[in-house]
Amino acid sequence: MASEAEELEAEAAEQWQLVNTPLGEMWSGRTRYAAAMFFFKRGEMNAETLEVYRICARLDHEDPLPIIRDRGVGKEWLKRMGYAQ
């Protein structure tokens, strides 16, 4: 049986895959936003960064990362995502 810590890590790994859902797939913006909410609730993303994901939720082709960069928010999140600045 998996421990609680193992279950949390498995959930985080699944959410990481979802926040990296490829652009352009149907419902991908909403998927990325839902996963971003997971990281926000864990304290791993600030509210300004989450807001960009919210704005992009209905825009499946829109990459939130350049917007986050342009707004000057979420620098730690951009590093974590491997987004070159």
N, C-alpha and C. Protein backbone atom coordinates (compact mmCIF):
# COMPACT_ATOMS: atom_id res chain seq x y z
N MET A 1 0.84 -1.18 0.00
CA MET A 1 0.00 0.00 0.00
C MET A 1 0.89 1.25 0.00
N ALA A 2 0.53 2.24 -0.80
CA ALA A 2 1.33 3.46 -0.90
C ALA A 2 1.10 4.34 0.32
N SER A 3 2.15 5.00 0.74
CA SER A 3 2.04 5.92 1.86
C SER A 3 1.38 7.22 1.39
N GLU A 4 0.98 8.05 2.33
CA GLU A 4 0.36 9.33 1.98
C GLU A 4 1.34 10.19 1.19
N ALA A 5 2.60 10.18 1.58
CA ALA A 5 3.61 10.96 0.87
C ALA A 5 3.76 10.48 -0.57
N GLU A 6 3.74 9.18 -0.78
CA GLU A 6 3.85 8.62 -2.13
C GLU A 6 2.63 9.00 -2.97
N GLU A 7 1.46 9.00 -2.35
CA GLU A 7 0.25 9.38 -3.06
C GLU A 7 0.29 10.86 -3.46
N LEU A 8 0.79 11.71 -2.57
CA LEU A 8 0.91 13.13 -2.88
C LEU A 8 1.89 13.37 -4.01
N GLU A 9 2.99 12.63 -4.00
CA GLU A 9 3.98 12.77 -5.08
C GLU A 9 3.41 12.29 -6.40
N ALA A 10 2.63 11.22 -6.38
CA ALA A 10 2.01 10.72 -7.60
C ALA A 10 1.03 11.75 -8.14
N GLU A 11 0.26 12.36 -7.25
CA GLU A 11 -0.69 13.40 -7.66
C GLU A 11 0.05 14.61 -8.26
N ALA A 12 1.14 15.01 -7.62
CA ALA A 12 1.93 16.14 -8.13
C ALA A 12 2.50 15.82 -9.51
N ALA A 13 2.95 14.59 -9.71
CA ALA A 13 3.50 14.20 -11.01
C ALA A 13 2.41 14.24 -12.08
N GLU A 14 1.22 13.80 -11.74
CA GLU A 14 0.11 13.84 -12.70
C GLU A 14 -0.26 15.28 -13.03
N GLN A 15 -0.31 16.15 -12.02
CA GLN A 15 -0.65 17.55 -12.26
C GLN A 15 0.44 18.25 -13.07
N TRP A 16 1.68 17.84 -12.87
CA TRP A 16 2.78 18.42 -13.66
C TRP A 16 2.58 18.10 -15.14
N GLN A 17 2.20 16.86 -15.43
CA GLN A 17 1.92 16.50 -16.82
C GLN A 17 0.77 17.34 -17.38
N LEU A 18 -0.26 17.55 -16.57
CA LEU A 18 -1.42 18.31 -17.03
C LEU A 18 -1.11 19.78 -17.26
N VAL A 19 -0.29 20.38 -16.38
CA VAL A 19 0.05 21.80 -16.57
C VAL A 19 0.92 21.98 -17.82
N ASN A 20 1.50 20.90 -18.29
CA ASN A 20 2.31 20.92 -19.51
C ASN A 20 1.56 20.35 -20.71
N THR A 21 0.24 20.30 -20.64
CA THR A 21 -0.56 19.83 -21.77
C THR A 21 -0.22 20.67 -23.01
N PRO A 22 0.01 20.01 -24.14
CA PRO A 22 0.38 20.75 -25.35
C PRO A 22 -0.66 21.78 -25.75
N LEU A 23 -0.18 22.88 -26.27
CA LEU A 23 -1.05 23.94 -26.77
C LEU A 23 -1.87 23.41 -27.94
N GLY A 24 -3.08 23.93 -28.04
CA GLY A 24 -3.91 23.63 -29.19
C GLY A 24 -4.82 22.43 -29.05
N GLU A 25 -4.57 21.57 -28.09
CA GLU A 25 -5.47 20.43 -27.89
C GLU A 25 -6.79 20.94 -27.32
N MET A 26 -7.86 20.30 -27.71
CA MET A 26 -9.17 20.71 -27.21
C MET A 26 -9.19 20.65 -25.69
N TRP A 27 -9.66 21.72 -25.06
CA TRP A 27 -9.76 21.87 -23.61
C TRP A 27 -8.41 21.97 -22.91
N SER A 28 -7.34 22.14 -23.65
CA SER A 28 -6.01 22.17 -23.03
C SER A 28 -5.82 23.39 -22.13
N GLY A 29 -6.40 24.52 -22.48
CA GLY A 29 -6.28 25.71 -21.63
C GLY A 29 -6.92 25.48 -20.28
N ARG A 30 -8.09 24.86 -20.27
CA ARG A 30 -8.77 24.56 -19.02
C ARG A 30 -8.01 23.51 -18.21
N THR A 31 -7.42 22.57 -18.90
CA THR A 31 -6.63 21.54 -18.23
C THR A 31 -5.43 22.16 -17.54
N ARG A 32 -4.73 23.05 -18.26
CA ARG A 32 -3.57 23.72 -17.67
C ARG A 32 -3.98 24.57 -16.48
N TYR A 33 -5.13 25.25 -16.58
CA TYR A 33 -5.60 26.09 -15.48
C TYR A 33 -5.93 25.25 -14.25
N ALA A 34 -6.61 24.14 -14.44
CA ALA A 34 -6.95 23.26 -13.31
C ALA A 34 -5.68 22.76 -12.63
N ALA A 35 -4.69 22.39 -13.41
CA ALA A 35 -3.43 21.93 -12.83
C ALA A 35 -2.71 23.08 -12.13
N ALA A 36 -2.77 24.27 -12.72
CA ALA A 36 -2.14 25.44 -12.08
C ALA A 36 -2.78 25.71 -10.72
N MET A 37 -4.09 25.52 -10.63
CA MET A 37 -4.78 25.71 -9.35
C MET A 37 -4.23 24.74 -8.30
N PHE A 38 -3.93 23.53 -8.71
CA PHE A 38 -3.33 22.55 -7.79
C PHE A 38 -2.02 23.10 -7.22
N PHE A 39 -1.16 23.63 -8.09
CA PHE A 39 0.13 24.15 -7.62
C PHE A 39 -0.04 25.43 -6.79
N PHE A 40 -1.02 26.25 -7.15
CA PHE A 40 -1.31 27.43 -6.35
C PHE A 40 -1.73 27.03 -4.94
N LYS A 41 -2.62 26.08 -4.84
CA LYS A 41 -3.11 25.63 -3.52
C LYS A 41 -1.99 25.04 -2.67
N ARG A 42 -0.99 24.49 -3.31
CA ARG A 42 0.17 23.95 -2.59
C ARG A 42 1.19 25.02 -2.24
N GLY A 43 0.94 26.25 -2.68
CA GLY A 43 1.87 27.34 -2.40
C GLY A 43 3.06 27.38 -3.34
N GLU A 44 2.96 26.70 -4.47
CA GLU A 44 4.06 26.61 -5.42
C GLU A 44 3.91 27.58 -6.59
N MET A 45 2.85 28.39 -6.54
CA MET A 45 2.59 29.37 -7.59
C MET A 45 1.89 30.56 -6.94
N ASN A 46 2.25 31.76 -7.37
CA ASN A 46 1.59 32.93 -6.79
C ASN A 46 0.28 33.24 -7.52
N ALA A 47 -0.52 34.12 -6.92
CA ALA A 47 -1.84 34.44 -7.46
C ALA A 47 -1.76 35.12 -8.82
N GLU A 48 -0.76 35.94 -9.04
CA GLU A 48 -0.63 36.64 -10.32
C GLU A 48 -0.37 35.65 -11.46
N THR A 49 0.42 34.64 -11.19
CA THR A 49 0.70 33.61 -12.19
C THR A 49 -0.56 32.79 -12.46
N LEU A 50 -1.26 32.41 -11.41
CA LEU A 50 -2.51 31.67 -11.57
C LEU A 50 -3.51 32.48 -12.41
N GLU A 51 -3.55 33.78 -12.21
CA GLU A 51 -4.47 34.63 -12.97
C GLU A 51 -4.19 34.55 -14.47
N VAL A 52 -2.93 34.46 -14.85
CA VAL A 52 -2.61 34.31 -16.28
C VAL A 52 -3.16 32.99 -16.80
N TYR A 53 -3.01 31.93 -16.04
CA TYR A 53 -3.57 30.64 -16.45
C TYR A 53 -5.10 30.74 -16.55
N ARG A 54 -5.73 31.50 -15.66
CA ARG A 54 -7.18 31.67 -15.72
C ARG A 54 -7.58 32.38 -17.01
N ILE A 55 -6.87 33.45 -17.33
CA ILE A 55 -7.16 34.21 -18.54
C ILE A 55 -7.00 33.33 -19.78
N CYS A 56 -6.01 32.47 -19.77
CA CYS A 56 -5.73 31.61 -20.93
C CYS A 56 -6.57 30.33 -20.95
N ALA A 57 -7.39 30.12 -19.94
CA ALA A 57 -8.13 28.87 -19.81
C ALA A 57 -9.02 28.57 -21.02
N ARG A 58 -9.60 29.58 -21.61
CA ARG A 58 -10.49 29.36 -22.74
C ARG A 58 -9.77 29.51 -24.08
N LEU A 59 -8.47 29.71 -24.02
CA LEU A 59 -7.67 29.93 -25.22
C LEU A 59 -6.68 28.78 -25.38
N ASP A 60 -7.14 27.70 -25.95
CA ASP A 60 -6.33 26.49 -26.02
C ASP A 60 -5.00 26.67 -26.74
N HIS A 61 -4.92 27.64 -27.63
CA HIS A 61 -3.68 27.86 -28.39
C HIS A 61 -2.74 28.87 -27.72
N GLU A 62 -3.17 29.50 -26.64
CA GLU A 62 -2.39 30.58 -26.02
C GLU A 62 -1.43 30.01 -24.97
N ASP A 63 -0.15 30.32 -25.13
CA ASP A 63 0.86 29.89 -24.16
C ASP A 63 0.91 30.91 -23.02
N PRO A 64 0.62 30.50 -21.79
CA PRO A 64 0.63 31.45 -20.69
C PRO A 64 2.03 31.91 -20.28
N LEU A 65 3.05 31.15 -20.61
CA LEU A 65 4.40 31.46 -20.13
C LEU A 65 4.93 32.80 -20.62
N PRO A 66 4.80 33.15 -21.90
CA PRO A 66 5.28 34.48 -22.32
C PRO A 66 4.51 35.61 -21.65
N ILE A 67 3.24 35.39 -21.38
CA ILE A 67 2.43 36.41 -20.71
C ILE A 67 2.91 36.59 -19.27
N ILE A 68 3.19 35.48 -18.62
CA ILE A 68 3.72 35.54 -17.25
C ILE A 68 5.02 36.32 -17.25
N ARG A 69 5.89 36.03 -18.21
CA ARG A 69 7.17 36.74 -18.32
C ARG A 69 6.95 38.22 -18.58
N ASP A 70 6.08 38.54 -19.53
CA ASP A 70 5.84 39.93 -19.89
C ASP A 70 5.25 40.74 -18.74
N ARG A 71 4.48 40.10 -17.89
CA ARG A 71 3.90 40.78 -16.73
C ARG A 71 4.89 40.89 -15.57
N GLY A 72 5.98 40.18 -15.67
CA GLY A 72 7.00 40.23 -14.61
C GLY A 72 6.58 39.51 -13.35
N VAL A 73 5.71 38.52 -13.49
CA VAL A 73 5.26 37.73 -12.33
C VAL A 73 5.72 36.29 -12.52
N GLY A 74 5.78 35.55 -11.43
CA GLY A 74 6.04 34.12 -11.54
C GLY A 74 7.43 33.74 -12.01
N LYS A 75 8.43 34.51 -11.62
CA LYS A 75 9.79 34.20 -12.08
C LYS A 75 10.23 32.80 -11.64
N GLU A 76 9.88 32.43 -10.43
CA GLU A 76 10.24 31.08 -9.94
C GLU A 76 9.50 30.01 -10.73
N TRP A 77 8.24 30.29 -11.06
CA TRP A 77 7.46 29.34 -11.85
C TRP A 77 8.06 29.18 -13.24
N LEU A 78 8.47 30.27 -13.85
CA LEU A 78 9.10 30.19 -15.17
C LEU A 78 10.36 29.35 -15.13
N LYS A 79 11.15 29.51 -14.08
CA LYS A 79 12.36 28.68 -13.93
C LYS A 79 11.98 27.22 -13.83
N ARG A 80 10.99 26.95 -13.02
CA ARG A 80 10.55 25.56 -12.82
C ARG A 80 10.05 24.95 -14.13
N MET A 81 9.40 25.77 -14.95
CA MET A 81 8.88 25.29 -16.23
C MET A 81 9.98 25.19 -17.30
N GLY A 82 11.18 25.67 -16.98
CA GLY A 82 12.27 25.64 -17.94
C GLY A 82 12.08 26.63 -19.06
N TYR A 83 11.38 27.72 -18.76
CA TYR A 83 11.11 28.74 -19.76
C TYR A 83 12.24 29.76 -19.77
N ALA A 84 13.01 29.76 -20.85
CA ALA A 84 14.16 30.67 -20.97
C ALA A 84 13.68 32.11 -21.04
N GLN A 85 14.35 32.96 -20.31
CA GLN A 85 13.97 34.38 -20.30
C GLN A 85 14.94 35.22 -21.07
